[in-house]
Structures are given as C-alpha cells and as structure tokens.
C-alpha cells in the first residue's frame, strides 16, 4: 500500500541551486527532488523510512531576483581565512515562493545499512509507511519539526510551513517550462552513503505542476 504525505511551504527567498552555475549560483524555477526530500525529513526523519518526492505544485509566480551576501565560510582562499576577510557572493534567487509538495513513504530498502536502533524499530513496526504518515500528519498539524526546514540555503527560512491552506491555489495558467537537466540527488543511496551526483533530464513544469520522475 502507498502512503502519501504532503505539506505547504512558503517564504520570501529560495535558491534551488543549478550545479552548472558555479560560484554565482542560479536557482532552478522549482525545488529539486533532493530539496523536497530534505523538507519532508526536516518535519520527521527516521533512517528506517525513505521519503520519495512525487510532485511539486507551484502556488506563486516564478520571480527571479539578484541577491548578494558576504561569505565567510571554509571555501574562501587561505589568505582570506587567515586575515579574517569575507567576500561578496552573488546569486540569482527566487522571491515570494509558495509550493505544495507531495511524497510517498516506503520502508528503507537496504536494511543492512541501517543503524541497530533503526533495525529494531523496523522489526517492531508492522507498517513503517503508515506509522510515518500518522506521526508526520500529527506533527504538521501542530507545527512541530525535527529541524527547521529551509528553502535551499539554510538562511532562507520559510514564512509558513504546514498543512494546506484553503486560500492557496496552484498556478494552473503558469506557462510551460522545460528544464533539460535537473539535479536529482547527491546521496542517492541515502543513509551514510557516498557522494554520487544524479540528474533527471527533460523535466517539464506544466499547469503549475512538476512531476518528479520515478527512479529507474
């Protein structure tokens, strides 16, 4: 049986980074598969469960905007780090975003890679997907989360996340958008796995909806 979870998330700024845009990142027009997965897991995370994003509905116009911040992280040149200097980092972000996100919940497939406590929970639960869905729905109704979700960059926190709001509408008249290549995942095998960049090709946003391709 398939178990579906869904939520709405909105915020003033988002950046779903295109890897080909280098050190002046540019956003995709909609969140990547891995970003949606991370948003759901920020509400409720458990290594015995796999969250599989299936759909993103766009509920606010797609608006790109120039954004500049002072970067002080570890990717600076050694001299800048030793001198305590930051540098300006430019990006092309989205503003005033709102999405409705959907995902399936399935048991983690490679149980041998799970930590011991997760394997014990999995063995004691007759329907892990249903258990996750039930706990997730309670949390989203109460406004609880495992960690604060964010919209691409960690500083881009949402203005709202929770159950669907009745006033939110999908932009059915949004012009068709074609994305030749879109990042899917960086850690496709999930828990404690090695880096392996995967991309989906020929992605289409139509009637305000992006359907994430099924694996395989």
N, C-alpha and C. Protein backbone atom coordinates (compact mmCIF):
# COMPACT_ATOMS: atom_id res chain seq x y z
N UNK A 1 0.84 -1.20 0.00
CA UNK A 1 0.00 0.00 0.00
C UNK A 1 0.87 1.25 0.00
N UNK A 2 0.43 2.28 -0.74
CA UNK A 2 1.18 3.52 -0.84
C UNK A 2 0.70 4.51 0.21
N UNK A 3 1.64 5.13 0.91
CA UNK A 3 1.33 6.14 1.90
C UNK A 3 1.87 7.48 1.42
N UNK A 4 1.00 8.49 1.38
CA UNK A 4 1.34 9.80 0.86
C UNK A 4 1.37 10.81 1.99
N UNK A 5 2.38 11.67 1.99
CA UNK A 5 2.42 12.82 2.89
C UNK A 5 2.51 14.08 2.03
N UNK A 6 2.00 15.18 2.56
CA UNK A 6 2.06 16.43 1.81
C UNK A 6 2.11 17.60 2.77
N UNK A 7 2.61 18.71 2.27
CA UNK A 7 2.68 19.94 3.06
C UNK A 7 2.74 21.13 2.13
N UNK A 8 2.52 22.30 2.72
CA UNK A 8 2.67 23.57 2.01
C UNK A 8 3.82 24.33 2.66
N UNK A 9 4.62 24.99 1.84
CA UNK A 9 5.73 25.77 2.36
C UNK A 9 5.86 27.04 1.53
N UNK A 10 6.13 28.15 2.21
CA UNK A 10 6.26 29.45 1.54
C UNK A 10 7.35 30.26 2.22
N UNK A 11 7.90 31.22 1.48
CA UNK A 11 8.93 32.06 2.07
C UNK A 11 9.31 33.21 1.17
N UNK A 12 10.03 34.20 1.72
CA UNK A 12 10.41 35.37 0.93
C UNK A 12 11.52 35.10 -0.07
N UNK A 13 12.37 34.11 0.18
CA UNK A 13 13.53 33.86 -0.69
C UNK A 13 13.82 32.37 -0.75
N UNK A 14 14.20 31.89 -1.94
CA UNK A 14 14.57 30.48 -2.12
C UNK A 14 15.68 30.39 -3.17
N UNK A 15 16.51 29.37 -3.03
CA UNK A 15 17.56 29.11 -4.02
C UNK A 15 17.71 27.61 -4.18
N UNK A 16 17.25 27.09 -5.32
CA UNK A 16 17.39 25.66 -5.67
C UNK A 16 18.53 25.60 -6.68
N UNK A 17 19.74 25.44 -6.20
CA UNK A 17 20.95 25.73 -6.97
C UNK A 17 21.15 24.79 -8.16
N UNK A 18 21.39 25.41 -9.32
CA UNK A 18 21.84 24.68 -10.51
C UNK A 18 23.35 24.47 -10.37
N UNK A 19 23.83 23.21 -10.34
CA UNK A 19 25.26 22.97 -10.15
C UNK A 19 26.14 23.56 -11.24
N UNK A 20 25.58 23.76 -12.44
CA UNK A 20 26.39 24.26 -13.55
C UNK A 20 26.62 25.77 -13.48
N UNK A 21 26.10 26.45 -12.46
CA UNK A 21 26.24 27.91 -12.38
C UNK A 21 27.38 28.36 -11.49
N UNK A 22 28.17 27.42 -10.95
CA UNK A 22 29.42 27.75 -10.29
C UNK A 22 29.29 28.59 -9.04
N UNK A 23 30.23 29.56 -8.89
CA UNK A 23 30.30 30.32 -7.64
C UNK A 23 29.37 31.53 -7.63
N UNK A 24 28.56 31.70 -8.67
CA UNK A 24 27.47 32.69 -8.66
C UNK A 24 26.18 31.94 -8.96
N UNK A 25 25.69 31.18 -7.98
CA UNK A 25 24.64 30.20 -8.25
C UNK A 25 23.33 30.83 -8.73
N UNK A 26 22.67 30.09 -9.60
CA UNK A 26 21.37 30.47 -10.15
C UNK A 26 20.37 29.38 -9.77
N UNK A 27 19.17 29.78 -9.42
CA UNK A 27 18.15 28.83 -8.98
C UNK A 27 17.44 28.17 -10.15
N UNK A 28 17.10 26.89 -9.99
CA UNK A 28 16.08 26.29 -10.84
C UNK A 28 14.76 27.01 -10.55
N UNK A 29 13.76 26.91 -11.44
CA UNK A 29 12.47 27.56 -11.18
C UNK A 29 11.62 26.85 -10.15
N UNK A 30 12.02 25.65 -9.73
CA UNK A 30 11.27 24.88 -8.74
C UNK A 30 12.26 24.03 -7.94
N UNK A 31 11.86 23.57 -6.75
CA UNK A 31 12.78 22.80 -5.92
C UNK A 31 13.17 21.47 -6.53
N UNK A 32 14.41 21.06 -6.27
CA UNK A 32 14.90 19.78 -6.75
C UNK A 32 14.30 18.63 -5.93
N UNK A 33 14.44 17.44 -6.47
CA UNK A 33 13.99 16.22 -5.78
C UNK A 33 14.60 16.13 -4.39
N UNK A 34 15.92 16.34 -4.29
CA UNK A 34 16.60 16.20 -3.01
C UNK A 34 16.19 17.29 -2.03
N UNK A 35 15.88 18.50 -2.53
CA UNK A 35 15.44 19.58 -1.66
C UNK A 35 14.07 19.27 -1.06
N UNK A 36 13.17 18.73 -1.88
CA UNK A 36 11.85 18.35 -1.38
C UNK A 36 11.98 17.24 -0.34
N UNK A 37 12.82 16.28 -0.62
CA UNK A 37 13.06 15.18 0.32
C UNK A 37 13.55 15.73 1.66
N UNK A 38 14.47 16.69 1.61
CA UNK A 38 15.02 17.28 2.84
C UNK A 38 13.97 18.05 3.62
N UNK A 39 13.05 18.71 2.92
CA UNK A 39 11.99 19.46 3.61
C UNK A 39 11.09 18.50 4.39
N UNK A 40 10.68 17.40 3.76
CA UNK A 40 9.86 16.42 4.47
C UNK A 40 10.62 15.83 5.66
N UNK A 41 11.88 15.51 5.46
CA UNK A 41 12.66 14.89 6.53
C UNK A 41 12.95 15.87 7.65
N UNK A 42 12.87 17.17 7.38
CA UNK A 42 13.04 18.14 8.46
C UNK A 42 11.83 18.13 9.40
N UNK A 43 10.68 17.72 8.89
CA UNK A 43 9.50 17.58 9.75
C UNK A 43 9.59 16.30 10.56
N UNK A 44 9.91 15.21 9.89
CA UNK A 44 10.03 13.92 10.57
C UNK A 44 11.07 13.09 9.84
N UNK A 45 12.14 12.75 10.55
CA UNK A 45 13.22 11.96 9.95
C UNK A 45 13.37 10.65 10.71
N UNK A 46 13.57 9.59 9.95
CA UNK A 46 13.87 8.29 10.54
C UNK A 46 14.60 7.45 9.53
N UNK A 47 15.75 6.88 9.86
CA UNK A 47 16.55 6.14 8.87
C UNK A 47 15.89 4.88 8.35
N UNK A 48 14.86 4.37 9.04
CA UNK A 48 14.19 3.15 8.57
C UNK A 48 13.15 3.45 7.50
N UNK A 49 12.94 4.73 7.17
CA UNK A 49 11.93 5.17 6.21
C UNK A 49 12.59 5.93 5.07
N UNK A 50 12.08 5.74 3.86
CA UNK A 50 12.56 6.51 2.72
C UNK A 50 11.42 7.38 2.20
N UNK A 51 11.68 8.68 2.12
CA UNK A 51 10.72 9.64 1.58
C UNK A 51 11.02 9.82 0.09
N UNK A 52 10.01 9.59 -0.76
CA UNK A 52 10.19 9.65 -2.21
C UNK A 52 9.32 10.77 -2.78
N UNK A 53 9.90 11.93 -3.08
CA UNK A 53 9.10 13.03 -3.65
C UNK A 53 8.45 12.63 -4.97
N UNK A 54 7.20 13.04 -5.14
CA UNK A 54 6.48 12.70 -6.37
C UNK A 54 5.98 13.93 -7.12
N UNK A 55 5.69 15.03 -6.40
CA UNK A 55 5.08 16.16 -7.10
C UNK A 55 5.32 17.47 -6.35
N UNK A 56 5.48 18.55 -7.13
CA UNK A 56 5.55 19.91 -6.59
C UNK A 56 4.54 20.76 -7.36
N UNK A 57 3.66 21.42 -6.64
CA UNK A 57 2.71 22.35 -7.24
C UNK A 57 3.14 23.77 -6.90
N UNK A 58 3.27 24.61 -7.91
CA UNK A 58 3.73 25.98 -7.74
C UNK A 58 2.52 26.88 -7.51
N UNK A 59 2.55 27.60 -6.39
CA UNK A 59 1.38 28.38 -5.97
C UNK A 59 1.65 29.88 -5.89
N UNK A 60 2.77 30.32 -6.45
CA UNK A 60 3.10 31.75 -6.51
C UNK A 60 3.90 31.98 -7.79
N UNK A 61 3.79 33.15 -8.41
CA UNK A 61 4.54 33.42 -9.64
C UNK A 61 6.04 33.20 -9.46
N UNK A 62 6.68 32.71 -10.52
CA UNK A 62 8.13 32.49 -10.50
C UNK A 62 8.82 33.82 -10.77
N UNK A 63 9.53 34.33 -9.75
CA UNK A 63 10.20 35.62 -9.85
C UNK A 63 11.67 35.48 -9.46
N UNK A 64 12.56 35.74 -10.41
CA UNK A 64 13.99 35.71 -10.13
C UNK A 64 14.46 37.08 -9.63
N UNK A 65 15.49 37.06 -8.78
CA UNK A 65 15.96 38.30 -8.16
C UNK A 65 17.45 38.17 -7.84
N UNK A 66 18.19 39.25 -8.02
CA UNK A 66 19.61 39.26 -7.68
C UNK A 66 19.79 39.36 -6.17
N UNK A 67 20.76 38.60 -5.65
CA UNK A 67 20.98 38.53 -4.21
C UNK A 67 22.48 38.52 -3.95
N UNK A 68 22.93 39.30 -2.99
CA UNK A 68 24.35 39.35 -2.65
C UNK A 68 24.51 39.19 -1.14
N UNK A 69 25.47 38.37 -0.75
CA UNK A 69 25.75 38.18 0.67
C UNK A 69 27.25 38.15 0.89
N UNK A 70 27.68 38.42 2.11
CA UNK A 70 29.10 38.33 2.46
C UNK A 70 29.39 36.92 2.94
N UNK A 71 30.23 36.20 2.20
CA UNK A 71 30.54 34.81 2.52
C UNK A 71 31.77 34.74 3.42
N UNK A 72 31.64 34.01 4.54
CA UNK A 72 32.76 33.85 5.47
C UNK A 72 33.04 32.40 5.79
N UNK A 73 32.71 31.50 4.86
CA UNK A 73 32.84 30.07 5.11
C UNK A 73 34.18 29.49 4.73
N UNK A 74 34.30 28.15 4.79
CA UNK A 74 35.59 27.48 4.59
C UNK A 74 36.06 27.41 3.15
N UNK A 75 35.24 27.82 2.19
CA UNK A 75 35.65 27.75 0.78
C UNK A 75 36.39 29.01 0.32
N UNK A 76 36.65 29.94 1.25
CA UNK A 76 37.45 31.11 0.91
C UNK A 76 38.92 30.72 0.67
N UNK A 77 39.66 31.60 0.00
CA UNK A 77 41.09 31.39 -0.15
C UNK A 77 41.76 31.40 1.22
N UNK A 78 42.86 30.69 1.33
CA UNK A 78 43.56 30.57 2.62
C UNK A 78 43.92 31.92 3.20
N UNK A 79 44.37 32.86 2.35
CA UNK A 79 44.75 34.19 2.85
C UNK A 79 43.53 34.93 3.42
N UNK A 80 42.38 34.79 2.75
CA UNK A 80 41.18 35.45 3.25
C UNK A 80 40.76 34.87 4.60
N UNK A 81 40.96 33.58 4.75
CA UNK A 81 40.61 32.95 6.04
C UNK A 81 41.56 33.43 7.13
N UNK A 82 42.86 33.41 6.84
CA UNK A 82 43.84 33.81 7.85
C UNK A 82 43.71 35.29 8.22
N UNK A 83 43.31 36.14 7.25
CA UNK A 83 43.15 37.57 7.52
C UNK A 83 41.77 37.91 8.07
N UNK A 84 40.89 36.90 8.12
CA UNK A 84 39.54 37.14 8.62
C UNK A 84 38.66 37.91 7.65
N UNK A 85 38.96 37.81 6.35
CA UNK A 85 38.20 38.54 5.35
C UNK A 85 37.13 37.67 4.71
N UNK A 86 35.98 38.24 4.48
CA UNK A 86 34.93 37.55 3.72
C UNK A 86 34.93 38.10 2.30
N UNK A 87 34.12 37.55 1.43
CA UNK A 87 33.98 38.13 0.10
C UNK A 87 32.52 38.10 -0.31
N UNK A 88 32.17 38.98 -1.23
CA UNK A 88 30.78 39.07 -1.67
C UNK A 88 30.45 37.95 -2.63
N UNK A 89 29.35 37.29 -2.33
CA UNK A 89 28.88 36.17 -3.15
C UNK A 89 27.54 36.56 -3.76
N UNK A 90 27.48 36.56 -5.08
CA UNK A 90 26.25 36.90 -5.77
C UNK A 90 25.48 35.66 -6.18
N UNK A 91 24.17 35.76 -6.19
CA UNK A 91 23.32 34.63 -6.59
C UNK A 91 22.06 35.16 -7.25
N UNK A 92 21.43 34.31 -8.04
CA UNK A 92 20.12 34.62 -8.62
C UNK A 92 19.10 33.72 -7.96
N UNK A 93 18.26 34.30 -7.12
CA UNK A 93 17.34 33.56 -6.27
C UNK A 93 15.90 33.73 -6.76
N UNK A 94 15.00 33.02 -6.11
CA UNK A 94 13.57 33.23 -6.31
C UNK A 94 13.02 33.99 -5.11
N UNK A 95 12.02 34.83 -5.34
CA UNK A 95 11.42 35.57 -4.23
C UNK A 95 9.91 35.28 -4.16
N UNK A 96 9.39 35.39 -2.94
CA UNK A 96 7.96 35.22 -2.66
C UNK A 96 7.43 33.90 -3.22
N UNK A 97 8.02 32.81 -2.75
CA UNK A 97 7.67 31.49 -3.27
C UNK A 97 6.60 30.82 -2.41
N UNK A 98 5.87 29.90 -3.01
CA UNK A 98 4.90 29.09 -2.29
C UNK A 98 4.71 27.79 -3.06
N UNK A 99 4.81 26.67 -2.36
CA UNK A 99 4.69 25.36 -3.00
C UNK A 99 3.80 24.44 -2.18
N UNK A 100 3.15 23.52 -2.88
CA UNK A 100 2.54 22.36 -2.26
C UNK A 100 3.35 21.14 -2.70
N UNK A 101 3.85 20.39 -1.73
CA UNK A 101 4.75 19.28 -2.00
C UNK A 101 4.12 17.97 -1.58
N UNK A 102 4.40 16.91 -2.36
CA UNK A 102 3.85 15.58 -2.12
C UNK A 102 4.98 14.55 -2.18
N UNK A 103 4.86 13.52 -1.35
CA UNK A 103 5.86 12.44 -1.35
C UNK A 103 5.22 11.14 -0.92
N UNK A 104 5.77 10.03 -1.42
CA UNK A 104 5.41 8.70 -0.94
C UNK A 104 6.37 8.31 0.18
N UNK A 105 5.91 7.45 1.05
CA UNK A 105 6.74 6.95 2.15
C UNK A 105 6.83 5.45 2.05
N UNK A 106 8.06 4.92 1.97
CA UNK A 106 8.28 3.49 1.85
C UNK A 106 9.35 3.06 2.85
N UNK A 107 9.38 1.78 3.23
CA UNK A 107 10.46 1.31 4.11
C UNK A 107 11.80 1.43 3.40
N UNK A 108 12.84 1.75 4.16
CA UNK A 108 14.19 1.82 3.59
C UNK A 108 14.57 0.46 3.02
N UNK A 109 15.08 0.47 1.79
CA UNK A 109 15.24 -0.79 1.05
C UNK A 109 16.44 -1.62 1.49
N UNK A 110 17.57 -0.98 1.79
CA UNK A 110 18.77 -1.72 2.16
C UNK A 110 18.90 -1.73 3.68
N UNK A 111 18.18 -2.64 4.33
CA UNK A 111 18.11 -2.65 5.79
C UNK A 111 19.45 -2.99 6.44
N UNK A 112 20.35 -3.63 5.70
CA UNK A 112 21.65 -3.98 6.27
C UNK A 112 22.50 -2.74 6.57
N UNK A 113 22.17 -1.61 5.95
CA UNK A 113 22.93 -0.38 6.15
C UNK A 113 22.35 0.48 7.27
N UNK A 114 21.27 0.04 7.89
CA UNK A 114 20.65 0.82 8.95
C UNK A 114 21.39 0.65 10.27
N UNK A 115 21.38 1.67 11.12
CA UNK A 115 21.92 1.50 12.48
C UNK A 115 21.04 0.54 13.26
N UNK A 116 21.58 0.00 14.34
CA UNK A 116 20.89 -1.04 15.08
C UNK A 116 19.52 -0.59 15.60
N UNK A 117 19.44 0.61 16.15
CA UNK A 117 18.16 1.06 16.71
C UNK A 117 17.10 1.22 15.64
N UNK A 118 17.50 1.60 14.41
CA UNK A 118 16.54 1.71 13.31
C UNK A 118 16.05 0.34 12.88
N UNK A 119 16.95 -0.66 12.87
CA UNK A 119 16.53 -2.02 12.51
C UNK A 119 15.56 -2.58 13.54
N UNK A 120 15.79 -2.26 14.80
CA UNK A 120 14.88 -2.73 15.85
C UNK A 120 13.51 -2.09 15.71
N UNK A 121 13.48 -0.78 15.40
CA UNK A 121 12.20 -0.10 15.19
C UNK A 121 11.47 -0.69 14.00
N UNK A 122 12.21 -0.96 12.92
CA UNK A 122 11.62 -1.50 11.70
C UNK A 122 11.01 -2.89 11.96
N UNK A 123 11.71 -3.73 12.72
CA UNK A 123 11.19 -5.07 13.01
C UNK A 123 9.95 -5.01 13.89
N UNK A 124 9.87 -4.00 14.76
CA UNK A 124 8.74 -3.91 15.69
C UNK A 124 7.53 -3.21 15.08
N UNK A 125 7.66 -2.68 13.85
CA UNK A 125 6.59 -1.92 13.22
C UNK A 125 6.04 -2.70 12.04
N UNK A 126 4.76 -3.04 12.10
CA UNK A 126 4.16 -3.85 11.03
C UNK A 126 4.00 -3.06 9.73
N UNK A 127 3.83 -1.75 9.82
CA UNK A 127 3.66 -0.91 8.64
C UNK A 127 4.41 0.40 8.83
N UNK A 128 5.73 0.41 8.53
CA UNK A 128 6.53 1.63 8.76
C UNK A 128 5.99 2.85 8.01
N UNK A 129 5.51 2.64 6.77
CA UNK A 129 4.99 3.76 5.99
C UNK A 129 3.78 4.40 6.64
N UNK A 130 2.88 3.57 7.13
CA UNK A 130 1.68 4.08 7.80
C UNK A 130 2.06 4.79 9.10
N UNK A 131 3.01 4.22 9.84
CA UNK A 131 3.45 4.83 11.10
C UNK A 131 4.04 6.20 10.85
N UNK A 132 4.89 6.31 9.82
CA UNK A 132 5.49 7.60 9.48
C UNK A 132 4.41 8.59 9.10
N UNK A 133 3.49 8.19 8.22
CA UNK A 133 2.42 9.08 7.77
C UNK A 133 1.61 9.62 8.95
N UNK A 134 1.29 8.73 9.89
CA UNK A 134 0.48 9.12 11.04
C UNK A 134 1.22 10.14 11.92
N UNK A 135 2.49 9.86 12.21
CA UNK A 135 3.28 10.78 13.04
C UNK A 135 3.51 12.10 12.30
N UNK A 136 3.80 12.02 11.00
CA UNK A 136 4.02 13.22 10.19
C UNK A 136 2.79 14.13 10.21
N UNK A 137 1.62 13.55 10.00
CA UNK A 137 0.39 14.36 9.96
C UNK A 137 0.13 15.04 11.31
N UNK A 138 0.43 14.36 12.41
CA UNK A 138 0.27 14.98 13.72
C UNK A 138 1.23 16.14 13.87
N UNK A 139 2.47 15.94 13.45
CA UNK A 139 3.48 16.99 13.60
C UNK A 139 3.15 18.21 12.74
N UNK A 140 2.74 17.98 11.49
CA UNK A 140 2.49 19.11 10.59
C UNK A 140 1.29 19.90 11.07
N UNK A 141 0.31 19.23 11.68
CA UNK A 141 -0.86 19.93 12.23
C UNK A 141 -0.48 20.78 13.42
N UNK A 142 0.45 20.29 14.24
CA UNK A 142 0.87 21.02 15.45
C UNK A 142 1.97 22.04 15.19
N UNK A 143 2.53 22.04 13.98
CA UNK A 143 3.64 22.94 13.68
C UNK A 143 4.96 22.46 14.24
N UNK A 144 5.09 21.15 14.50
CA UNK A 144 6.33 20.60 15.03
C UNK A 144 7.26 20.17 13.90
N UNK A 145 8.55 20.08 14.20
CA UNK A 145 9.51 19.61 13.21
C UNK A 145 10.74 19.03 13.89
N UNK A 146 11.46 18.20 13.15
CA UNK A 146 12.73 17.62 13.61
C UNK A 146 13.82 18.69 13.59
N UNK A 147 13.81 19.50 12.52
CA UNK A 147 14.68 20.67 12.40
C UNK A 147 13.94 21.68 11.53
N UNK A 148 14.31 22.96 11.61
CA UNK A 148 13.60 23.98 10.85
C UNK A 148 13.85 23.76 9.35
N UNK A 149 12.80 23.60 8.54
CA UNK A 149 13.02 23.46 7.10
C UNK A 149 13.53 24.77 6.50
N UNK A 150 14.20 24.66 5.38
CA UNK A 150 14.70 25.86 4.71
C UNK A 150 14.56 25.71 3.21
N UNK A 151 14.64 26.84 2.51
CA UNK A 151 14.34 26.89 1.09
C UNK A 151 15.63 26.98 0.28
N UNK A 152 16.37 25.89 0.27
CA UNK A 152 17.62 25.81 -0.49
C UNK A 152 18.83 26.13 0.35
N UNK A 153 19.09 27.41 0.60
CA UNK A 153 20.13 27.82 1.53
C UNK A 153 19.55 27.88 2.94
N UNK A 154 20.37 27.53 3.93
CA UNK A 154 19.86 27.42 5.29
C UNK A 154 19.35 28.76 5.84
N UNK A 155 19.90 29.87 5.35
CA UNK A 155 19.42 31.16 5.85
C UNK A 155 18.06 31.55 5.27
N UNK A 156 17.60 30.82 4.25
CA UNK A 156 16.30 31.12 3.64
C UNK A 156 15.22 30.31 4.35
N UNK A 157 14.82 30.79 5.50
CA UNK A 157 13.81 30.09 6.30
C UNK A 157 12.40 30.43 5.79
N UNK A 158 11.44 29.55 6.00
CA UNK A 158 10.09 29.79 5.48
C UNK A 158 9.31 30.77 6.34
N UNK A 159 8.38 31.45 5.70
CA UNK A 159 7.41 32.27 6.42
C UNK A 159 6.23 31.42 6.88
N UNK A 160 6.06 30.26 6.22
CA UNK A 160 5.00 29.33 6.60
C UNK A 160 5.39 27.93 6.16
N UNK A 161 5.12 26.95 7.02
CA UNK A 161 5.10 25.55 6.58
C UNK A 161 4.05 24.84 7.42
N UNK A 162 3.30 23.94 6.77
CA UNK A 162 2.24 23.27 7.50
C UNK A 162 1.27 22.60 6.55
N UNK A 163 0.07 22.31 7.06
CA UNK A 163 -0.98 21.71 6.25
C UNK A 163 -1.44 22.71 5.18
N UNK A 164 -2.05 22.21 4.13
CA UNK A 164 -2.53 23.07 3.05
C UNK A 164 -3.47 24.15 3.59
N UNK A 165 -3.25 25.38 3.14
CA UNK A 165 -4.15 26.48 3.49
C UNK A 165 -5.22 26.60 2.41
N UNK A 166 -6.48 26.81 2.79
CA UNK A 166 -7.56 26.84 1.79
C UNK A 166 -7.42 27.97 0.78
N UNK A 167 -6.77 29.06 1.15
CA UNK A 167 -6.65 30.20 0.24
C UNK A 167 -5.54 30.01 -0.80
N UNK A 168 -4.68 29.02 -0.62
CA UNK A 168 -3.57 28.78 -1.56
C UNK A 168 -4.09 28.05 -2.80
N UNK A 169 -3.72 28.56 -3.97
CA UNK A 169 -4.17 27.97 -5.23
C UNK A 169 -2.96 27.66 -6.13
N UNK A 170 -3.04 26.54 -6.82
CA UNK A 170 -2.00 26.17 -7.78
C UNK A 170 -2.12 27.06 -9.01
N UNK A 171 -0.99 27.51 -9.56
CA UNK A 171 -1.00 28.38 -10.74
C UNK A 171 -1.18 27.54 -12.00
N UNK A 172 -2.42 27.18 -12.29
CA UNK A 172 -2.73 26.32 -13.43
C UNK A 172 -2.42 26.99 -14.76
N UNK A 173 -2.39 28.33 -14.79
CA UNK A 173 -2.11 29.06 -16.03
C UNK A 173 -0.64 29.41 -16.19
N UNK A 174 0.23 28.85 -15.36
CA UNK A 174 1.66 29.11 -15.48
C UNK A 174 2.17 28.59 -16.83
N UNK A 175 2.90 29.40 -17.59
CA UNK A 175 3.43 28.92 -18.87
C UNK A 175 4.30 27.68 -18.70
N UNK A 176 4.28 26.82 -19.69
CA UNK A 176 5.07 25.58 -19.68
C UNK A 176 6.55 25.92 -19.60
N UNK A 177 7.26 25.22 -18.74
CA UNK A 177 8.71 25.42 -18.57
C UNK A 177 9.41 24.08 -18.78
N UNK A 178 10.42 24.05 -19.62
CA UNK A 178 11.21 22.85 -19.86
C UNK A 178 12.59 23.01 -19.24
N UNK A 179 13.02 22.01 -18.49
CA UNK A 179 14.32 22.01 -17.84
C UNK A 179 15.12 20.84 -18.40
N UNK A 180 16.12 21.10 -19.25
CA UNK A 180 16.84 19.99 -19.91
C UNK A 180 17.52 19.03 -18.93
N UNK A 181 18.09 19.57 -17.84
CA UNK A 181 18.77 18.74 -16.85
C UNK A 181 18.56 19.34 -15.47
N UNK A 182 18.17 18.48 -14.51
CA UNK A 182 17.88 18.97 -13.16
C UNK A 182 18.48 18.01 -12.14
N UNK A 183 19.22 18.57 -11.19
CA UNK A 183 19.83 17.75 -10.15
C UNK A 183 18.76 16.93 -9.44
N UNK A 184 19.03 15.64 -9.24
CA UNK A 184 18.10 14.79 -8.51
C UNK A 184 18.59 14.58 -7.08
N UNK A 185 19.76 13.94 -6.94
CA UNK A 185 20.29 13.66 -5.61
C UNK A 185 21.80 13.67 -5.63
N UNK A 186 22.36 13.96 -4.47
CA UNK A 186 23.81 13.89 -4.27
C UNK A 186 24.17 12.62 -3.50
N UNK A 187 23.26 12.15 -2.64
CA UNK A 187 23.47 10.92 -1.88
C UNK A 187 22.31 9.96 -2.18
N UNK A 188 22.27 9.37 -3.39
CA UNK A 188 21.09 8.61 -3.82
C UNK A 188 20.82 7.34 -3.02
N UNK A 189 21.83 6.81 -2.32
CA UNK A 189 21.61 5.60 -1.54
C UNK A 189 21.23 5.89 -0.10
N UNK A 190 21.05 7.18 0.20
CA UNK A 190 20.51 7.54 1.50
C UNK A 190 21.51 7.44 2.62
N UNK A 191 21.08 6.89 3.74
CA UNK A 191 21.81 6.90 5.00
C UNK A 191 23.26 6.46 4.83
N UNK A 192 24.20 7.34 5.23
CA UNK A 192 25.62 7.01 5.33
C UNK A 192 26.20 6.52 4.00
N UNK A 193 25.79 7.14 2.88
CA UNK A 193 26.26 6.70 1.57
C UNK A 193 27.27 7.70 0.99
N UNK A 194 27.96 7.28 -0.05
CA UNK A 194 28.96 8.12 -0.69
C UNK A 194 28.31 9.12 -1.66
N UNK A 195 29.05 10.18 -1.99
CA UNK A 195 28.56 11.18 -2.93
C UNK A 195 28.46 10.57 -4.33
N UNK A 196 27.32 10.82 -4.99
CA UNK A 196 27.12 10.33 -6.36
C UNK A 196 26.06 11.22 -7.00
N UNK A 197 26.48 12.20 -7.81
CA UNK A 197 25.56 13.16 -8.38
C UNK A 197 24.69 12.49 -9.46
N UNK A 198 23.38 12.60 -9.30
CA UNK A 198 22.43 12.08 -10.28
C UNK A 198 21.56 13.22 -10.79
N UNK A 199 21.23 13.18 -12.08
CA UNK A 199 20.41 14.21 -12.70
C UNK A 199 19.23 13.57 -13.42
N UNK A 200 18.10 14.28 -13.43
CA UNK A 200 16.97 13.93 -14.28
C UNK A 200 17.02 14.81 -15.52
N UNK A 201 16.59 14.29 -16.65
CA UNK A 201 16.61 15.05 -17.90
C UNK A 201 15.20 15.26 -18.43
N UNK A 202 15.07 16.34 -19.21
CA UNK A 202 13.81 16.67 -19.88
C UNK A 202 12.65 16.80 -18.89
N UNK A 203 12.90 17.58 -17.83
CA UNK A 203 11.86 17.85 -16.83
C UNK A 203 10.93 18.95 -17.36
N UNK A 204 9.65 18.80 -17.09
CA UNK A 204 8.66 19.77 -17.57
C UNK A 204 7.80 20.24 -16.40
N UNK A 205 7.61 21.56 -16.31
CA UNK A 205 6.62 22.14 -15.41
C UNK A 205 5.44 22.56 -16.27
N UNK A 206 4.30 21.93 -16.04
CA UNK A 206 3.12 22.19 -16.86
C UNK A 206 1.90 22.33 -15.96
N UNK A 207 1.08 23.34 -16.26
CA UNK A 207 -0.11 23.64 -15.44
C UNK A 207 0.29 23.85 -13.97
N UNK A 208 1.46 24.47 -13.78
CA UNK A 208 1.92 24.75 -12.43
C UNK A 208 2.40 23.57 -11.65
N UNK A 209 2.64 22.44 -12.31
CA UNK A 209 2.99 21.20 -11.61
C UNK A 209 4.25 20.57 -12.19
N UNK A 210 5.16 20.16 -11.30
CA UNK A 210 6.35 19.40 -11.67
C UNK A 210 6.19 17.99 -11.09
N UNK A 211 6.25 17.00 -11.96
CA UNK A 211 6.21 15.60 -11.51
C UNK A 211 7.63 15.06 -11.52
N UNK A 212 8.11 14.61 -10.36
CA UNK A 212 9.46 14.07 -10.28
C UNK A 212 9.48 12.66 -10.88
N UNK A 213 10.43 12.38 -11.79
CA UNK A 213 10.47 11.06 -12.42
C UNK A 213 10.67 9.94 -11.40
N UNK A 214 10.08 8.80 -11.72
CA UNK A 214 10.28 7.62 -10.89
C UNK A 214 11.67 7.08 -11.12
N UNK A 215 12.28 6.57 -10.08
CA UNK A 215 13.62 6.01 -10.18
C UNK A 215 13.60 4.78 -11.06
N UNK A 216 14.57 4.69 -11.96
CA UNK A 216 14.66 3.54 -12.85
C UNK A 216 13.68 3.59 -13.98
